[in-house]
Amino acid sequence: MKRCGIFTCPFSDHRPRACCRNLRQGGKPSTLDDALDEIYRSYLRARPLVAGRFDRDVRHPEIVWRIALSLDLLPPPSRVIKIAGSKGKGTTARFAADLVAQAKPDARVGLFVSPHEIQQTDRIRLDGAPMAADEFCRTVDRISAAVREEEAALPPGQYISPVGYFLLIALDWYRRQGWL
Protein backbone atom coordinates (compact mmCIF):
# COMPACT_ATOMS: atom_id res chain seq x y z
CA MET A 1 0.00 0.00 0.00
CA LYS A 2 1.18 3.47 -0.77
CA ARG A 3 0.48 6.74 0.96
CA CYS A 4 -1.24 9.58 -0.83
CA GLY A 5 -1.62 12.41 1.64
CA ILE A 6 -3.90 11.17 4.43
CA PHE A 7 -4.94 8.11 2.46
CA THR A 8 -3.32 4.71 2.42
CA CYS A 9 -4.47 3.47 -0.92
CA PRO A 10 -5.78 -0.12 -0.97
CA PHE A 11 -5.28 -0.40 -4.71
CA SER A 12 -2.08 -2.11 -5.87
CA ASP A 13 -1.94 0.04 -9.00
CA HIS A 14 -2.06 3.29 -7.03
CA ARG A 15 -0.69 6.39 -8.65
CA PRO A 16 -1.12 9.75 -6.94
CA ARG A 17 -4.38 11.00 -8.38
CA ALA A 18 -6.01 14.36 -8.51
CA CYS A 19 -9.01 12.75 -6.81
CA CYS A 20 -7.02 12.18 -3.61
CA ARG A 21 -5.93 15.81 -3.55
CA ASN A 22 -9.51 16.89 -4.28
CA LEU A 23 -10.92 14.82 -1.39
CA ARG A 24 -8.24 16.04 1.04
CA GLN A 25 -9.39 19.56 0.27
CA GLY A 26 -13.00 18.66 1.07
CA GLY A 27 -14.04 18.26 -2.56
CA LYS A 28 -16.76 16.01 -3.89
CA PRO A 29 -16.05 12.73 -5.69
CA SER A 30 -16.58 12.97 -9.43
CA THR A 31 -15.11 9.74 -10.81
CA LEU A 32 -15.43 6.14 -9.72
CA ASP A 33 -11.91 6.29 -8.24
CA ASP A 34 -12.91 9.44 -6.31
CA ALA A 35 -16.04 7.73 -5.01
CA LEU A 36 -14.10 4.65 -3.90
CA ASP A 37 -11.53 6.86 -2.15
CA GLU A 38 -14.41 8.51 -0.28
CA ILE A 39 -15.94 5.15 0.71
CA TYR A 40 -12.69 3.73 2.11
CA ARG A 41 -11.39 7.01 3.62
CA SER A 42 -12.88 6.57 7.09
CA TYR A 43 -11.69 2.97 7.47
CA LEU A 44 -8.19 3.75 6.22
CA ARG A 45 -7.85 6.55 8.79
CA ALA A 46 -8.91 4.24 11.63
CA ARG A 47 -7.06 1.13 10.48
CA PRO A 48 -3.88 1.72 12.52
CA LEU A 49 -6.02 2.07 15.65
CA VAL A 50 -8.01 -1.14 15.08
CA ALA A 51 -5.22 -3.39 13.80
CA GLY A 52 -5.13 -6.68 15.71
CA ARG A 53 -8.47 -6.14 17.45
CA PHE A 54 -11.44 -8.49 17.11
CA ASP A 55 -14.21 -7.50 14.67
CA ARG A 56 -16.75 -7.65 17.51
CA ASP A 57 -14.78 -4.90 19.26
CA VAL A 58 -14.45 -2.52 16.30
CA ARG A 59 -17.62 -2.98 14.27
CA HIS A 60 -20.37 -0.49 14.94
CA PRO A 61 -23.34 -1.04 12.61
CA GLU A 62 -25.32 1.52 14.58
CA ILE A 63 -23.25 4.24 12.89
CA VAL A 64 -24.61 3.35 9.45
CA TRP A 65 -28.08 2.91 10.98
CA ARG A 66 -27.96 6.51 12.31
CA ILE A 67 -26.93 7.85 8.90
CA ALA A 68 -29.69 5.87 7.15
CA LEU A 69 -32.22 7.23 9.66
CA SER A 70 -31.04 10.81 9.18
CA LEU A 71 -31.35 10.45 5.39
CA ASP A 72 -34.72 8.63 5.66
CA LEU A 73 -33.34 5.61 3.80
CA LEU A 74 -34.61 2.70 5.89
CA PRO A 75 -37.00 0.52 3.91
CA PRO A 76 -40.08 -1.02 5.50
CA PRO A 77 -39.14 -4.42 7.00
CA SER A 78 -41.70 -6.12 4.76
CA ARG A 79 -39.56 -5.14 1.73
CA VAL A 80 -36.34 -6.71 3.03
CA ILE A 81 -34.95 -10.23 2.96
CA LYS A 82 -31.91 -10.50 5.22
CA ILE A 83 -29.56 -13.41 4.60
CA ALA A 84 -26.92 -14.33 7.17
CA GLY A 85 -24.39 -17.10 7.55
CA SER A 86 -20.82 -17.92 6.71
CA LYS A 87 -21.13 -19.35 3.19
CA GLY A 88 -23.41 -18.80 0.20
CA LYS A 89 -25.06 -15.49 1.15
CA GLY A 90 -24.46 -13.88 -2.25
CA THR A 91 -25.74 -16.88 -4.17
CA THR A 92 -28.77 -17.19 -1.89
CA ALA A 93 -29.52 -13.46 -2.22
CA ARG A 94 -29.33 -13.61 -6.01
CA PHE A 95 -31.56 -16.69 -6.01
CA ALA A 96 -34.10 -14.98 -3.71
CA ALA A 97 -34.11 -11.82 -5.88
CA ASP A 98 -34.72 -13.95 -8.96
CA LEU A 99 -37.58 -15.81 -7.25
CA VAL A 100 -39.24 -12.57 -6.18
CA ALA A 101 -38.87 -11.14 -9.69
CA GLN A 102 -40.45 -14.26 -11.22
CA ALA A 103 -43.26 -14.45 -8.65
CA LYS A 104 -44.11 -10.75 -8.97
CA PRO A 105 -43.15 -9.62 -12.49
CA ASP A 106 -44.44 -6.09 -11.89
CA ALA A 107 -42.48 -5.64 -8.63
CA ARG A 108 -39.19 -3.79 -8.48
CA VAL A 109 -36.44 -5.92 -6.94
CA GLY A 110 -33.37 -4.37 -5.33
CA LEU A 111 -30.33 -6.53 -4.59
CA PHE A 112 -27.35 -5.58 -2.45
CA VAL A 113 -24.53 -8.10 -1.99
CA SER A 114 -20.98 -7.98 -0.77
CA PRO A 115 -18.41 -8.45 -2.06
CA HIS A 116 -18.78 -7.24 -5.62
CA GLU A 117 -18.39 -9.65 -8.53
CA ILE A 118 -16.36 -7.75 -11.12
CA GLN A 119 -16.79 -4.03 -10.48
CA GLN A 120 -17.64 -2.25 -7.25
CA THR A 121 -20.94 -1.06 -8.70
CA ASP A 122 -22.27 -4.53 -9.55
CA ARG A 123 -22.99 -5.30 -5.88
CA ILE A 124 -25.94 -2.87 -6.15
CA ARG A 125 -28.71 -3.93 -8.54
CA LEU A 126 -32.26 -2.93 -9.29
CA ASP A 127 -34.45 -5.19 -11.41
CA GLY A 128 -31.35 -7.22 -12.30
CA ALA A 129 -29.35 -4.28 -13.68
CA PRO A 130 -26.24 -3.05 -11.86
CA MET A 131 -25.93 0.56 -10.81
CA ALA A 132 -24.15 2.63 -13.47
CA ALA A 133 -20.80 4.16 -12.48
CA ASP A 134 -21.95 7.75 -13.12
CA GLU A 135 -25.04 7.22 -10.96
CA PHE A 136 -22.84 5.64 -8.28
CA CYS A 137 -20.64 8.76 -8.22
CA ARG A 138 -23.64 11.10 -8.07
CA THR A 139 -25.04 9.09 -5.17
CA VAL A 140 -21.77 9.27 -3.25
CA ASP A 141 -21.79 13.04 -3.89
CA ARG A 142 -25.33 13.25 -2.54
CA ILE A 143 -24.76 11.37 0.74
CA SER A 144 -21.11 12.16 1.51
CA ALA A 145 -21.90 15.26 3.61
CA ALA A 146 -24.13 13.25 5.98
CA VAL A 147 -21.52 10.50 6.21
CA ARG A 148 -18.70 12.95 6.94
CA GLU A 149 -20.81 14.72 9.55
CA GLU A 150 -21.39 11.44 11.39
CA GLU A 151 -17.73 10.48 11.01
CA ALA A 152 -16.57 13.78 12.53
CA ALA A 153 -18.42 12.89 15.75
CA LEU A 154 -16.84 9.43 16.08
CA PRO A 155 -14.20 8.73 18.72
CA PRO A 156 -10.74 7.65 17.54
CA GLY A 157 -10.75 4.06 16.24
CA GLN A 158 -14.36 4.09 15.07
CA TYR A 159 -15.11 4.43 11.39
CA ILE A 160 -17.77 4.28 8.72
CA SER A 161 -17.69 0.71 7.43
CA PRO A 162 -17.04 0.52 3.68
CA VAL A 163 -19.77 -2.13 3.35
CA GLY A 164 -22.10 0.13 5.32
CA TYR A 165 -21.26 3.03 3.01
CA PHE A 166 -22.08 0.82 0.00
CA LEU A 167 -25.40 -0.05 1.67
CA LEU A 168 -26.21 3.65 2.13
CA ILE A 169 -25.45 4.21 -1.56
CA ALA A 170 -27.77 1.34 -2.52
CA LEU A 171 -30.59 2.58 -0.30
CA ASP A 172 -30.32 6.15 -1.58
CA TRP A 173 -30.35 4.93 -5.19
CA TYR A 174 -33.31 2.63 -4.53
CA ARG A 175 -35.26 5.51 -2.99
CA ARG A 176 -34.57 7.80 -5.95
CA GLN A 177 -35.60 5.02 -8.36
CA GLY A 178 -38.93 4.62 -6.56
CA TRP A 179 -38.13 1.25 -5.00
CA LEU A 180 -38.45 2.40 -1.36
C-alpha atoms as a PDB file:
ATOM      1  CA  MET A   1       0.000   0.000   0.000  1.00  0.00           C
ATOM      2  CA  LYS A   2       1.181   3.474  -0.771  1.00  0.00           C
ATOM      3  CA  ARG A   3       0.477   6.744   0.963  1.00  0.00           C
ATOM      4  CA  CYS A   4      -1.240   9.581  -0.832  1.00  0.00           C
ATOM      5  CA  GLY A   5      -1.624  12.406   1.639  1.00  0.00           C
ATOM      6  CA  ILE A   6      -3.905  11.171   4.428  1.00  0.00           C
ATOM      7  CA  PHE A   7      -4.935   8.105   2.458  1.00  0.00           C
ATOM      8  CA  THR A   8      -3.322   4.710   2.424  1.00  0.00           C
ATOM      9  CA  CYS A   9      -4.467   3.467  -0.923  1.00  0.00           C
ATOM     10  CA  PRO A  10      -5.784  -0.123  -0.969  1.00  0.00           C
ATOM     11  CA  PHE A  11      -5.277  -0.398  -4.707  1.00  0.00           C
ATOM     12  CA  SER A  12      -2.081  -2.108  -5.872  1.00  0.00           C
ATOM     13  CA  ASP A  13      -1.939   0.041  -9.000  1.00  0.00           C
ATOM     14  CA  HIS A  14      -2.055   3.292  -7.035  1.00  0.00           C
ATOM     15  CA  ARG A  15      -0.689   6.388  -8.646  1.00  0.00           C
ATOM     16  CA  PRO A  16      -1.124   9.747  -6.943  1.00  0.00           C
ATOM     17  CA  ARG A  17      -4.378  11.000  -8.380  1.00  0.00           C
ATOM     18  CA  ALA A  18      -6.007  14.360  -8.510  1.00  0.00           C
ATOM     19  CA  CYS A  19      -9.012  12.754  -6.808  1.00  0.00           C
ATOM     20  CA  CYS A  20      -7.023  12.176  -3.610  1.00  0.00           C
ATOM     21  CA  ARG A  21      -5.935  15.812  -3.555  1.00  0.00           C
ATOM     22  CA  ASN A  22      -9.510  16.888  -4.278  1.00  0.00           C
ATOM     23  CA  LEU A  23     -10.918  14.816  -1.390  1.00  0.00           C
ATOM     24  CA  ARG A  24      -8.236  16.036   1.039  1.00  0.00           C
ATOM     25  CA  GLN A  25      -9.385  19.556   0.272  1.00  0.00           C
ATOM     26  CA  GLY A  26     -12.998  18.656   1.065  1.00  0.00           C
ATOM     27  CA  GLY A  27     -14.041  18.265  -2.562  1.00  0.00           C
ATOM     28  CA  LYS A  28     -16.764  16.006  -3.894  1.00  0.00           C
ATOM     29  CA  PRO A  29     -16.052  12.728  -5.687  1.00  0.00           C
ATOM     30  CA  SER A  30     -16.585  12.975  -9.432  1.00  0.00           C
ATOM     31  CA  THR A  31     -15.106   9.742 -10.813  1.00  0.00           C
ATOM     32  CA  LEU A  32     -15.427   6.136  -9.718  1.00  0.00           C
ATOM     33  CA  ASP A  33     -11.914   6.287  -8.243  1.00  0.00           C
ATOM     34  CA  ASP A  34     -12.908   9.438  -6.313  1.00  0.00           C
ATOM     35  CA  ALA A  35     -16.037   7.730  -5.008  1.00  0.00           C
ATOM     36  CA  LEU A  36     -14.098   4.651  -3.898  1.00  0.00           C
ATOM     37  CA  ASP A  37     -11.528   6.859  -2.150  1.00  0.00           C
ATOM     38  CA  GLU A  38     -14.414   8.508  -0.282  1.00  0.00           C
ATOM     39  CA  ILE A  39     -15.937   5.151   0.710  1.00  0.00           C
ATOM     40  CA  TYR A  40     -12.689   3.733   2.113  1.00  0.00           C
ATOM     41  CA  ARG A  41     -11.386   7.010   3.621  1.00  0.00           C
ATOM     42  CA  SER A  42     -12.881   6.567   7.094  1.00  0.00           C
ATOM     43  CA  TYR A  43     -11.695   2.972   7.472  1.00  0.00           C
ATOM     44  CA  LEU A  44      -8.195   3.753   6.224  1.00  0.00           C
ATOM     45  CA  ARG A  45      -7.851   6.546   8.791  1.00  0.00           C
ATOM     46  CA  ALA A  46      -8.910   4.239  11.630  1.00  0.00           C
ATOM     47  CA  ARG A  47      -7.057   1.132  10.478  1.00  0.00           C
ATOM     48  CA  PRO A  48      -3.877   1.720  12.518  1.00  0.00           C
ATOM     49  CA  LEU A  49      -6.021   2.067  15.654  1.00  0.00           C
ATOM     50  CA  VAL A  50      -8.008  -1.136  15.080  1.00  0.00           C
ATOM     51  CA  ALA A  51      -5.221  -3.394  13.803  1.00  0.00           C
ATOM     52  CA  GLY A  52      -5.128  -6.680  15.708  1.00  0.00           C
ATOM     53  CA  ARG A  53      -8.466  -6.140  17.446  1.00  0.00           C
ATOM     54  CA  PHE A  54     -11.441  -8.486  17.105  1.00  0.00           C
ATOM     55  CA  ASP A  55     -14.205  -7.502  14.672  1.00  0.00           C
ATOM     56  CA  ARG A  56     -16.747  -7.645  17.508  1.00  0.00           C
ATOM     57  CA  ASP A  57     -14.782  -4.901  19.258  1.00  0.00           C
ATOM     58  CA  VAL A  58     -14.449  -2.524  16.304  1.00  0.00           C
ATOM     59  CA  ARG A  59     -17.621  -2.985  14.265  1.00  0.00           C
ATOM     60  CA  HIS A  60     -20.367  -0.487  14.944  1.00  0.00           C
ATOM     61  CA  PRO A  61     -23.343  -1.044  12.607  1.00  0.00           C
ATOM     62  CA  GLU A  62     -25.324   1.519  14.584  1.00  0.00           C
ATOM     63  CA  ILE A  63     -23.249   4.244  12.895  1.00  0.00           C
ATOM     64  CA  VAL A  64     -24.608   3.345   9.451  1.00  0.00           C
ATOM     65  CA  TRP A  65     -28.081   2.907  10.982  1.00  0.00           C
ATOM     66  CA  ARG A  66     -27.960   6.505  12.306  1.00  0.00           C
ATOM     67  CA  ILE A  67     -26.932   7.851   8.898  1.00  0.00           C
ATOM     68  CA  ALA A  68     -29.686   5.867   7.154  1.00  0.00           C
ATOM     69  CA  LEU A  69     -32.220   7.229   9.660  1.00  0.00           C
ATOM     70  CA  SER A  70     -31.035  10.805   9.178  1.00  0.00           C
ATOM     71  CA  LEU A  71     -31.352  10.453   5.390  1.00  0.00           C
ATOM     72  CA  ASP A  72     -34.719   8.631   5.662  1.00  0.00           C
ATOM     73  CA  LEU A  73     -33.342   5.610   3.798  1.00  0.00           C
ATOM     74  CA  LEU A  74     -34.606   2.703   5.889  1.00  0.00           C
ATOM     75  CA  PRO A  75     -37.003   0.518   3.909  1.00  0.00           C
ATOM     76  CA  PRO A  76     -40.084  -1.024   5.500  1.00  0.00           C
ATOM     77  CA  PRO A  77     -39.140  -4.419   7.000  1.00  0.00           C
ATOM     78  CA  SER A  78     -41.695  -6.115   4.755  1.00  0.00           C
ATOM     79  CA  ARG A  79     -39.565  -5.137   1.734  1.00  0.00           C
ATOM     80  CA  VAL A  80     -36.343  -6.707   3.025  1.00  0.00           C
ATOM     81  CA  ILE A  81     -34.946 -10.233   2.960  1.00  0.00           C
ATOM     82  CA  LYS A  82     -31.906 -10.500   5.215  1.00  0.00           C
ATOM     83  CA  ILE A  83     -29.563 -13.408   4.597  1.00  0.00           C
ATOM     84  CA  ALA A  84     -26.922 -14.327   7.173  1.00  0.00           C
ATOM     85  CA  GLY A  85     -24.391 -17.098   7.546  1.00  0.00           C
ATOM     86  CA  SER A  86     -20.817 -17.919   6.711  1.00  0.00           C
ATOM     87  CA  LYS A  87     -21.135 -19.348   3.187  1.00  0.00           C
ATOM     88  CA  GLY A  88     -23.408 -18.799   0.203  1.00  0.00           C
ATOM     89  CA  LYS A  89     -25.059 -15.491   1.150  1.00  0.00           C
ATOM     90  CA  GLY A  90     -24.464 -13.882  -2.254  1.00  0.00           C
ATOM     91  CA  THR A  91     -25.745 -16.883  -4.168  1.00  0.00           C
ATOM     92  CA  THR A  92     -28.767 -17.186  -1.895  1.00  0.00           C
ATOM     93  CA  ALA A  93     -29.522 -13.461  -2.221  1.00  0.00           C
ATOM     94  CA  ARG A  94     -29.329 -13.612  -6.012  1.00  0.00           C
ATOM     95  CA  PHE A  95     -31.562 -16.687  -6.011  1.00  0.00           C
ATOM     96  CA  ALA A  96     -34.103 -14.979  -3.714  1.00  0.00           C
ATOM     97  CA  ALA A  97     -34.113 -11.821  -5.876  1.00  0.00           C
ATOM     98  CA  ASP A  98     -34.715 -13.953  -8.962  1.00  0.00           C
ATOM     99  CA  LEU A  99     -37.579 -15.811  -7.250  1.00  0.00           C
ATOM    100  CA  VAL A 100     -39.239 -12.566  -6.179  1.00  0.00           C
ATOM    101  CA  ALA A 101     -38.873 -11.136  -9.690  1.00  0.00           C
ATOM    102  CA  GLN A 102     -40.446 -14.258 -11.216  1.00  0.00           C
ATOM    103  CA  ALA A 103     -43.257 -14.447  -8.649  1.00  0.00           C
ATOM    104  CA  LYS A 104     -44.109 -10.747  -8.973  1.00  0.00           C
ATOM    105  CA  PRO A 105     -43.149  -9.625 -12.486  1.00  0.00           C
ATOM    106  CA  ASP A 106     -44.442  -6.087 -11.888  1.00  0.00           C
ATOM    107  CA  ALA A 107     -42.481  -5.643  -8.633  1.00  0.00           C
ATOM    108  CA  ARG A 108     -39.188  -3.793  -8.483  1.00  0.00           C
ATOM    109  CA  VAL A 109     -36.437  -5.920  -6.942  1.00  0.00           C
ATOM    110  CA  GLY A 110     -33.368  -4.374  -5.328  1.00  0.00           C
ATOM    111  CA  LEU A 111     -30.335  -6.531  -4.586  1.00  0.00           C
ATOM    112  CA  PHE A 112     -27.347  -5.578  -2.447  1.00  0.00           C
ATOM    113  CA  VAL A 113     -24.530  -8.100  -1.994  1.00  0.00           C
ATOM    114  CA  SER A 114     -20.984  -7.977  -0.770  1.00  0.00           C
ATOM    115  CA  PRO A 115     -18.410  -8.448  -2.062  1.00  0.00           C
ATOM    116  CA  HIS A 116     -18.777  -7.240  -5.617  1.00  0.00           C
ATOM    117  CA  GLU A 117     -18.387  -9.652  -8.529  1.00  0.00           C
ATOM    118  CA  ILE A 118     -16.356  -7.750 -11.124  1.00  0.00           C
ATOM    119  CA  GLN A 119     -16.793  -4.026 -10.485  1.00  0.00           C
ATOM    120  CA  GLN A 120     -17.639  -2.253  -7.247  1.00  0.00           C
ATOM    121  CA  THR A 121     -20.937  -1.061  -8.702  1.00  0.00           C
ATOM    122  CA  ASP A 122     -22.274  -4.526  -9.547  1.00  0.00           C
ATOM    123  CA  ARG A 123     -22.994  -5.300  -5.880  1.00  0.00           C
ATOM    124  CA  ILE A 124     -25.944  -2.872  -6.152  1.00  0.00           C
ATOM    125  CA  ARG A 125     -28.711  -3.934  -8.544  1.00  0.00           C
ATOM    126  CA  LEU A 126     -32.261  -2.928  -9.285  1.00  0.00           C
ATOM    127  CA  ASP A 127     -34.451  -5.187 -11.408  1.00  0.00           C
ATOM    128  CA  GLY A 128     -31.353  -7.219 -12.297  1.00  0.00           C
ATOM    129  CA  ALA A 129     -29.354  -4.280 -13.676  1.00  0.00           C
ATOM    130  CA  PRO A 130     -26.239  -3.047 -11.861  1.00  0.00           C
ATOM    131  CA  MET A 131     -25.934   0.558 -10.815  1.00  0.00           C
ATOM    132  CA  ALA A 132     -24.152   2.634 -13.469  1.00  0.00           C
ATOM    133  CA  ALA A 133     -20.804   4.160 -12.478  1.00  0.00           C
ATOM    134  CA  ASP A 134     -21.949   7.750 -13.125  1.00  0.00           C
ATOM    135  CA  GLU A 135     -25.042   7.222 -10.959  1.00  0.00           C
ATOM    136  CA  PHE A 136     -22.843   5.641  -8.281  1.00  0.00           C
ATOM    137  CA  CYS A 137     -20.640   8.765  -8.219  1.00  0.00           C
ATOM    138  CA  ARG A 138     -23.638  11.101  -8.070  1.00  0.00           C
ATOM    139  CA  THR A 139     -25.039   9.092  -5.166  1.00  0.00           C
ATOM    140  CA  VAL A 140     -21.766   9.274  -3.245  1.00  0.00           C
ATOM    141  CA  ASP A 141     -21.789  13.043  -3.894  1.00  0.00           C
ATOM    142  CA  ARG A 142     -25.333  13.255  -2.538  1.00  0.00           C
ATOM    143  CA  ILE A 143     -24.756  11.372   0.737  1.00  0.00           C
ATOM    144  CA  SER A 144     -21.105  12.160   1.514  1.00  0.00           C
ATOM    145  CA  ALA A 145     -21.899  15.262   3.611  1.00  0.00           C
ATOM    146  CA  ALA A 146     -24.129  13.250   5.980  1.00  0.00           C
ATOM    147  CA  VAL A 147     -21.515  10.495   6.210  1.00  0.00           C
ATOM    148  CA  ARG A 148     -18.696  12.946   6.936  1.00  0.00           C
ATOM    149  CA  GLU A 149     -20.812  14.725   9.551  1.00  0.00           C
ATOM    150  CA  GLU A 150     -21.394  11.445  11.387  1.00  0.00           C
ATOM    151  CA  GLU A 151     -17.734  10.484  11.006  1.00  0.00           C
ATOM    152  CA  ALA A 152     -16.572  13.781  12.525  1.00  0.00           C
ATOM    153  CA  ALA A 153     -18.418  12.890  15.748  1.00  0.00           C
ATOM    154  CA  LEU A 154     -16.836   9.429  16.080  1.00  0.00           C
ATOM    155  CA  PRO A 155     -14.203   8.726  18.718  1.00  0.00           C
ATOM    156  CA  PRO A 156     -10.736   7.648  17.539  1.00  0.00           C
ATOM    157  CA  GLY A 157     -10.749   4.064  16.244  1.00  0.00           C
ATOM    158  CA  GLN A 158     -14.363   4.093  15.069  1.00  0.00           C
ATOM    159  CA  TYR A 159     -15.105   4.430  11.387  1.00  0.00           C
ATOM    160  CA  ILE A 160     -17.771   4.278   8.720  1.00  0.00           C
ATOM    161  CA  SER A 161     -17.691   0.710   7.434  1.00  0.00           C
ATOM    162  CA  PRO A 162     -17.035   0.523   3.678  1.00  0.00           C
ATOM    163  CA  VAL A 163     -19.771  -2.128   3.351  1.00  0.00           C
ATOM    164  CA  GLY A 164     -22.101   0.126   5.324  1.00  0.00           C
ATOM    165  CA  TYR A 165     -21.265   3.031   3.009  1.00  0.00           C
ATOM    166  CA  PHE A 166     -22.083   0.820  -0.001  1.00  0.00           C
ATOM    167  CA  LEU A 167     -25.398  -0.050   1.669  1.00  0.00           C
ATOM    168  CA  LEU A 168     -26.214   3.653   2.128  1.00  0.00           C
ATOM    169  CA  ILE A 169     -25.446   4.206  -1.559  1.00  0.00           C
ATOM    170  CA  ALA A 170     -27.765   1.339  -2.518  1.00  0.00           C
ATOM    171  CA  LEU A 171     -30.591   2.582  -0.296  1.00  0.00           C
ATOM    172  CA  ASP A 172     -30.320   6.146  -1.583  1.00  0.00           C
ATOM    173  CA  TRP A 173     -30.350   4.935  -5.185  1.00  0.00           C
ATOM    174  CA  TYR A 174     -33.310   2.626  -4.535  1.00  0.00           C
ATOM    175  CA  ARG A 175     -35.265   5.506  -2.992  1.00  0.00           C
ATOM    176  CA  ARG A 176     -34.574   7.804  -5.951  1.00  0.00           C
ATOM    177  CA  GLN A 177     -35.602   5.022  -8.361  1.00  0.00           C
ATOM    178  CA  GLY A 178     -38.934   4.620  -6.561  1.00  0.00           C
ATOM    179  CA  TRP A 179     -38.132   1.253  -4.997  1.00  0.00           C
ATOM    180  CA  LEU A 180     -38.447   2.403  -1.365  1.00  0.00           C
END
